[in-house]
Amino acid sequence: MRNYGAGRDALLDAAVRVVARGGLRRLTYRAVAEEAGVTHGLVVHHFGSRDALIEEALAHAVRSSMNSSALEPGTGSAADFSAGLADMVESGPDLQAFQYELMLEARRRPELMPHLRGLYEEYFDAARRELSQMLGRPVDRGLYRLVFAALEGLVLHQLVFGEREVTEEALARLRTLLQQLAEEPDGA
């Protein structure tokens, strides 16, 4: 017998794969059940509604992505900043594609926006905390959003074009810039 939590996570992983491969329009109980190798009734039992499935799959994707991104290694060193980013894209392309699909879908379905915005705040907060530790001072929204946007763009580029070396080169340059910023006496 499956552990409830593990079974639920397996269904969320299946939902992520379905959306990543076919877009949100392909997300049905049957598609998730087929992907997970279970009955469609089990998917209904766990989530109750398609909207609940979408919301929980998005939260699951962000948690999984945060756990594997190394966005916030906590060392305060520019050399460690986002060290696992390229690996994250290679090891979980469906997870990344799912998030981009949901971002685009939120433009068409405004009811998804609060969920997406709330979950992306986790990313922004992680970037803010790590940059503040790295620079030894609080950072403003413009800076942490700029850095996060660069990281997100690199993820999308690697996801679409598969050019890990470009991601690594750009990250090395970003780390150099952040180290220079950290060395400035007053953050000027």
C-alpha atoms as a PDB file:
ATOM      1  CA  MET A   1       0.000   0.000   0.000  1.00  0.00           C
ATOM      2  CA  ARG A   2       1.258   3.460  -0.912  1.00  0.00           C
ATOM      3  CA  ASN A   3       2.089   6.054   1.685  1.00  0.00           C
ATOM      4  CA  TYR A   4      -0.494   8.862   1.359  1.00  0.00           C
ATOM      5  CA  GLY A   5       2.144  11.575   1.102  1.00  0.00           C
ATOM      6  CA  ALA A   6       4.302   9.679  -1.389  1.00  0.00           C
ATOM      7  CA  GLY A   7       1.234   8.785  -3.464  1.00  0.00           C
ATOM      8  CA  ARG A   8       0.092  12.372  -3.528  1.00  0.00           C
ATOM      9  CA  ASP A   9       3.575  13.545  -4.558  1.00  0.00           C
ATOM     10  CA  ALA A  10       3.615  10.943  -7.336  1.00  0.00           C
ATOM     11  CA  LEU A  11       0.308  12.331  -8.625  1.00  0.00           C
ATOM     12  CA  LEU A  12       1.657  15.887  -8.454  1.00  0.00           C
ATOM     13  CA  ASP A  13       4.782  14.799 -10.340  1.00  0.00           C
ATOM     14  CA  ALA A  14       2.530  13.218 -12.960  1.00  0.00           C
ATOM     15  CA  ALA A  15       0.492  16.435 -13.249  1.00  0.00           C
ATOM     16  CA  VAL A  16       3.704  18.416 -13.742  1.00  0.00           C
ATOM     17  CA  ARG A  17       4.799  16.066 -16.542  1.00  0.00           C
ATOM     18  CA  VAL A  18       1.390  16.222 -18.259  1.00  0.00           C
ATOM     19  CA  VAL A  19       1.390  20.029 -18.283  1.00  0.00           C
ATOM     20  CA  ALA A  20       5.066  20.284 -19.245  1.00  0.00           C
ATOM     21  CA  ARG A  21       4.514  18.067 -22.276  1.00  0.00           C
ATOM     22  CA  GLY A  22       1.077  19.179 -23.431  1.00  0.00           C
ATOM     23  CA  GLY A  23       0.189  22.458 -21.767  1.00  0.00           C
ATOM     24  CA  LEU A  24      -2.472  23.138 -19.168  1.00  0.00           C
ATOM     25  CA  ARG A  25      -5.253  22.262 -21.592  1.00  0.00           C
ATOM     26  CA  ARG A  26      -4.085  18.637 -21.489  1.00  0.00           C
ATOM     27  CA  LEU A  27      -4.366  18.454 -17.705  1.00  0.00           C
ATOM     28  CA  THR A  28      -7.255  16.118 -16.897  1.00  0.00           C
ATOM     29  CA  TYR A  29      -7.793  13.572 -14.157  1.00  0.00           C
ATOM     30  CA  ARG A  30      -7.487  10.841 -16.778  1.00  0.00           C
ATOM     31  CA  ALA A  31      -4.219  12.195 -18.187  1.00  0.00           C
ATOM     32  CA  VAL A  32      -2.693  12.427 -14.705  1.00  0.00           C
ATOM     33  CA  ALA A  33      -3.955   8.966 -13.799  1.00  0.00           C
ATOM     34  CA  GLU A  34      -2.529   7.481 -16.990  1.00  0.00           C
ATOM     35  CA  GLU A  35       0.822   9.202 -16.425  1.00  0.00           C
ATOM     36  CA  ALA A  36       0.946   7.992 -12.814  1.00  0.00           C
ATOM     37  CA  GLY A  37      -0.350   4.507 -13.605  1.00  0.00           C
ATOM     38  CA  VAL A  38      -3.366   4.758 -11.289  1.00  0.00           C
ATOM     39  CA  THR A  39      -7.127   5.027 -11.641  1.00  0.00           C
ATOM     40  CA  HIS A  40      -8.650   8.379 -12.397  1.00  0.00           C
ATOM     41  CA  GLY A  41     -10.794   8.027  -9.241  1.00  0.00           C
ATOM     42  CA  LEU A  42      -7.639   8.177  -7.130  1.00  0.00           C
ATOM     43  CA  VAL A  43      -6.739  11.548  -8.649  1.00  0.00           C
ATOM     44  CA  VAL A  44     -10.263  12.827  -7.956  1.00  0.00           C
ATOM     45  CA  HIS A  45     -10.021  11.515  -4.388  1.00  0.00           C
ATOM     46  CA  HIS A  46      -6.754  13.344  -3.687  1.00  0.00           C
ATOM     47  CA  PHE A  47      -7.608  16.695  -5.254  1.00  0.00           C
ATOM     48  CA  GLY A  48     -11.376  17.040  -5.673  1.00  0.00           C
ATOM     49  CA  SER A  49     -11.175  19.649  -8.411  1.00  0.00           C
ATOM     50  CA  ARG A  50      -8.983  20.460 -11.364  1.00  0.00           C
ATOM     51  CA  ASP A  51      -8.248  23.885  -9.860  1.00  0.00           C
ATOM     52  CA  ALA A  52      -7.054  22.267  -6.615  1.00  0.00           C
ATOM     53  CA  LEU A  53      -4.833  19.950  -8.667  1.00  0.00           C
ATOM     54  CA  ILE A  54      -3.359  22.940 -10.535  1.00  0.00           C
ATOM     55  CA  GLU A  55      -2.738  24.930  -7.349  1.00  0.00           C
ATOM     56  CA  GLU A  56      -1.144  22.017  -5.535  1.00  0.00           C
ATOM     57  CA  ALA A  57       0.955  21.040  -8.546  1.00  0.00           C
ATOM     58  CA  LEU A  58       2.248  24.607  -8.780  1.00  0.00           C
ATOM     59  CA  ALA A  59       3.142  24.678  -5.076  1.00  0.00           C
ATOM     60  CA  HIS A  60       4.812  21.272  -5.468  1.00  0.00           C
ATOM     61  CA  ALA A  61       6.801  22.495  -8.496  1.00  0.00           C
ATOM     62  CA  VAL A  62       8.056  25.595  -6.709  1.00  0.00           C
ATOM     63  CA  ARG A  63       9.054  23.592  -3.594  1.00  0.00           C
ATOM     64  CA  SER A  64      10.858  21.021  -5.724  1.00  0.00           C
ATOM     65  CA  SER A  65      12.554  23.713  -7.748  1.00  0.00           C
ATOM     66  CA  MET A  66      13.640  25.643  -4.633  1.00  0.00           C
ATOM     67  CA  ASN A  67      15.082  22.467  -3.118  1.00  0.00           C
ATOM     68  CA  SER A  68      17.208  21.774  -6.180  1.00  0.00           C
ATOM     69  CA  SER A  69      18.142  25.281  -7.362  1.00  0.00           C
ATOM     70  CA  ALA A  70      20.882  26.268  -4.897  1.00  0.00           C
ATOM     71  CA  LEU A  71      19.434  29.783  -5.167  1.00  0.00           C
ATOM     72  CA  GLU A  72      19.971  30.135  -1.461  1.00  0.00           C
ATOM     73  CA  PRO A  73      23.038  28.097  -0.433  1.00  0.00           C
ATOM     74  CA  GLY A  74      23.389  30.255   2.690  1.00  0.00           C
ATOM     75  CA  THR A  75      27.165  30.609   2.469  1.00  0.00           C
ATOM     76  CA  GLY A  76      27.154  34.311   1.664  1.00  0.00           C
ATOM     77  CA  SER A  77      29.722  33.653  -1.042  1.00  0.00           C
ATOM     78  CA  ALA A  78      29.213  34.914  -4.594  1.00  0.00           C
ATOM     79  CA  ALA A  79      31.131  31.841  -5.815  1.00  0.00           C
ATOM     80  CA  ASP A  80      28.347  29.593  -4.511  1.00  0.00           C
ATOM     81  CA  PHE A  81      25.415  31.646  -5.776  1.00  0.00           C
ATOM     82  CA  SER A  82      23.056  29.477  -7.851  1.00  0.00           C
ATOM     83  CA  ALA A  83      25.747  26.835  -8.262  1.00  0.00           C
ATOM     84  CA  GLY A  84      23.184  24.118  -8.999  1.00  0.00           C
ATOM     85  CA  LEU A  85      21.126  26.030 -11.556  1.00  0.00           C
ATOM     86  CA  ALA A  86      22.304  24.234 -14.709  1.00  0.00           C
ATOM     87  CA  ASP A  87      22.006  20.848 -12.974  1.00  0.00           C
ATOM     88  CA  MET A  88      18.484  21.726 -11.868  1.00  0.00           C
ATOM     89  CA  VAL A  89      17.416  22.375 -15.461  1.00  0.00           C
ATOM     90  CA  GLU A  90      19.011  19.165 -16.732  1.00  0.00           C
ATOM     91  CA  SER A  91      17.624  16.999 -13.965  1.00  0.00           C
ATOM     92  CA  GLY A  92      14.110  18.481 -13.962  1.00  0.00           C
ATOM     93  CA  PRO A  93      13.190  19.998 -17.306  1.00  0.00           C
ATOM     94  CA  ASP A  94       9.510  19.106 -16.891  1.00  0.00           C
ATOM     95  CA  LEU A  95       9.414  20.945 -13.583  1.00  0.00           C
ATOM     96  CA  GLN A  96      10.745  24.098 -15.205  1.00  0.00           C
ATOM     97  CA  ALA A  97       8.532  23.806 -18.299  1.00  0.00           C
ATOM     98  CA  PHE A  98       5.495  23.348 -16.034  1.00  0.00           C
ATOM     99  CA  GLN A  99       6.187  26.642 -14.264  1.00  0.00           C
ATOM    100  CA  TYR A 100       6.547  28.538 -17.538  1.00  0.00           C
ATOM    101  CA  GLU A 101       3.321  26.977 -18.846  1.00  0.00           C
ATOM    102  CA  LEU A 102       1.503  28.129 -15.692  1.00  0.00           C
ATOM    103  CA  MET A 103       2.942  31.633 -15.958  1.00  0.00           C
ATOM    104  CA  LEU A 104       1.592  31.959 -19.489  1.00  0.00           C
ATOM    105  CA  GLU A 105      -1.732  30.399 -18.540  1.00  0.00           C
ATOM    106  CA  ALA A 106      -2.099  32.910 -15.699  1.00  0.00           C
ATOM    107  CA  ARG A 107      -2.215  35.658 -18.335  1.00  0.00           C
ATOM    108  CA  ARG A 108      -5.322  33.994 -19.783  1.00  0.00           C
ATOM    109  CA  ARG A 109      -6.794  32.888 -16.463  1.00  0.00           C
ATOM    110  CA  PRO A 110      -6.409  35.704 -13.933  1.00  0.00           C
ATOM    111  CA  GLU A 111      -7.718  33.489 -11.132  1.00  0.00           C
ATOM    112  CA  LEU A 112      -4.364  31.658 -11.215  1.00  0.00           C
ATOM    113  CA  MET A 113      -2.367  34.854 -10.715  1.00  0.00           C
ATOM    114  CA  PRO A 114      -2.690  35.126  -6.901  1.00  0.00           C
ATOM    115  CA  HIS A 115      -1.415  31.568  -6.494  1.00  0.00           C
ATOM    116  CA  LEU A 116       1.411  32.087  -8.950  1.00  0.00           C
ATOM    117  CA  ARG A 117       2.364  35.437  -7.429  1.00  0.00           C
ATOM    118  CA  GLY A 118       2.375  34.037  -3.900  1.00  0.00           C
ATOM    119  CA  LEU A 119       4.558  31.140  -4.879  1.00  0.00           C
ATOM    120  CA  TYR A 120       6.972  33.320  -6.834  1.00  0.00           C
ATOM    121  CA  GLU A 121       7.330  35.487  -3.738  1.00  0.00           C
ATOM    122  CA  GLU A 122       9.178  32.474  -2.283  1.00  0.00           C
ATOM    123  CA  TYR A 123      11.720  32.753  -5.083  1.00  0.00           C
ATOM    124  CA  PHE A 124      12.040  36.505  -4.655  1.00  0.00           C
ATOM    125  CA  ASP A 125      12.488  36.189  -0.879  1.00  0.00           C
ATOM    126  CA  ALA A 126      15.189  33.554  -1.328  1.00  0.00           C
ATOM    127  CA  ALA A 127      17.045  35.787  -3.793  1.00  0.00           C
ATOM    128  CA  ARG A 128      16.703  38.779  -1.459  1.00  0.00           C
ATOM    129  CA  ARG A 129      17.987  36.848   1.580  1.00  0.00           C
ATOM    130  CA  GLU A 130      20.945  35.368  -0.268  1.00  0.00           C
ATOM    131  CA  LEU A 131      21.954  38.648  -1.901  1.00  0.00           C
ATOM    132  CA  SER A 132      21.653  40.511   1.410  1.00  0.00           C
ATOM    133  CA  GLN A 133      23.921  37.971   3.072  1.00  0.00           C
ATOM    134  CA  MET A 134      26.360  38.042   0.164  1.00  0.00           C
ATOM    135  CA  LEU A 135      26.552  41.842   0.016  1.00  0.00           C
ATOM    136  CA  GLY A 136      26.492  42.322   3.781  1.00  0.00           C
ATOM    137  CA  ARG A 137      23.597  44.760   3.601  1.00  0.00           C
ATOM    138  CA  PRO A 138      19.898  44.829   2.715  1.00  0.00           C
ATOM    139  CA  VAL A 139      19.178  44.827  -1.011  1.00  0.00           C
ATOM    140  CA  ASP A 140      16.362  46.650  -2.696  1.00  0.00           C
ATOM    141  CA  ARG A 141      13.612  45.057  -4.720  1.00  0.00           C
ATOM    142  CA  GLY A 142      15.089  46.283  -7.985  1.00  0.00           C
ATOM    143  CA  LEU A 143      18.345  44.415  -7.412  1.00  0.00           C
ATOM    144  CA  TYR A 144      16.947  41.094  -6.227  1.00  0.00           C
ATOM    145  CA  ARG A 145      14.308  41.108  -8.968  1.00  0.00           C
ATOM    146  CA  LEU A 146      16.973  41.909 -11.572  1.00  0.00           C
ATOM    147  CA  VAL A 147      19.159  39.034 -10.394  1.00  0.00           C
ATOM    148  CA  PHE A 148      16.207  36.656 -10.233  1.00  0.00           C
ATOM    149  CA  ALA A 149      15.084  37.694 -13.727  1.00  0.00           C
ATOM    150  CA  ALA A 150      18.580  36.910 -15.022  1.00  0.00           C
ATOM    151  CA  LEU A 151      18.458  33.476 -13.393  1.00  0.00           C
ATOM    152  CA  GLU A 152      14.969  32.783 -14.720  1.00  0.00           C
ATOM    153  CA  GLY A 153      16.041  33.820 -18.206  1.00  0.00           C
ATOM    154  CA  LEU A 154      19.020  31.471 -18.033  1.00  0.00           C
ATOM    155  CA  VAL A 155      16.748  28.621 -16.973  1.00  0.00           C
ATOM    156  CA  LEU A 156      14.388  29.283 -19.871  1.00  0.00           C
ATOM    157  CA  HIS A 157      17.258  29.568 -22.340  1.00  0.00           C
ATOM    158  CA  GLN A 158      18.804  26.285 -21.194  1.00  0.00           C
ATOM    159  CA  LEU A 159      15.413  24.586 -21.147  1.00  0.00           C
ATOM    160  CA  VAL A 160      14.653  25.590 -24.731  1.00  0.00           C
ATOM    161  CA  PHE A 161      18.099  25.546 -26.344  1.00  0.00           C
ATOM    162  CA  GLY A 162      19.889  23.024 -24.129  1.00  0.00           C
ATOM    163  CA  GLU A 163      23.008  25.163 -23.946  1.00  0.00           C
ATOM    164  CA  ARG A 164      24.327  24.376 -20.490  1.00  0.00           C
ATOM    165  CA  GLU A 165      27.667  26.006 -21.295  1.00  0.00           C
ATOM    166  CA  VAL A 166      25.934  29.347 -21.943  1.00  0.00           C
ATOM    167  CA  THR A 167      24.192  29.063 -18.566  1.00  0.00           C
ATOM    168  CA  GLU A 168      27.485  28.324 -16.823  1.00  0.00           C
ATOM    169  CA  GLU A 169      29.298  31.208 -18.587  1.00  0.00           C
ATOM    170  CA  ALA A 170      26.536  33.661 -17.724  1.00  0.00           C
ATOM    171  CA  LEU A 171      26.431  32.492 -14.097  1.00  0.00           C
ATOM    172  CA  ALA A 172      30.204  32.942 -13.807  1.00  0.00           C
ATOM    173  CA  ARG A 173      29.829  36.508 -15.079  1.00  0.00           C
ATOM    174  CA  LEU A 174      26.918  37.191 -12.726  1.00  0.00           C
ATOM    175  CA  ARG A 175      28.952  35.902  -9.770  1.00  0.00           C
ATOM    176  CA  THR A 176      31.840  38.202 -10.750  1.00  0.00           C
ATOM    177  CA  LEU A 177      29.487  41.189 -10.873  1.00  0.00           C
ATOM    178  CA  LEU A 178      27.981  40.279  -7.502  1.00  0.00           C
ATOM    179  CA  GLN A 179      31.442  39.886  -5.970  1.00  0.00           C
ATOM    180  CA  GLN A 180      32.395  43.330  -7.256  1.00  0.00           C
ATOM    181  CA  LEU A 181      29.203  44.751  -5.797  1.00  0.00           C
ATOM    182  CA  ALA A 182      29.966  43.064  -2.459  1.00  0.00           C
ATOM    183  CA  GLU A 183      33.421  44.683  -2.401  1.00  0.00           C
ATOM    184  CA  GLU A 184      32.025  48.203  -2.816  1.00  0.00           C
ATOM    185  CA  PRO A 185      32.279  49.971   0.554  1.00  0.00           C
ATOM    186  CA  ASP A 186      28.753  51.385   0.696  1.00  0.00           C
ATOM    187  CA  GLY A 187      26.979  49.574  -2.126  1.00  0.00           C
ATOM    188  CA  ALA A 188      27.217  52.669  -4.312  1.00  0.00           C
END
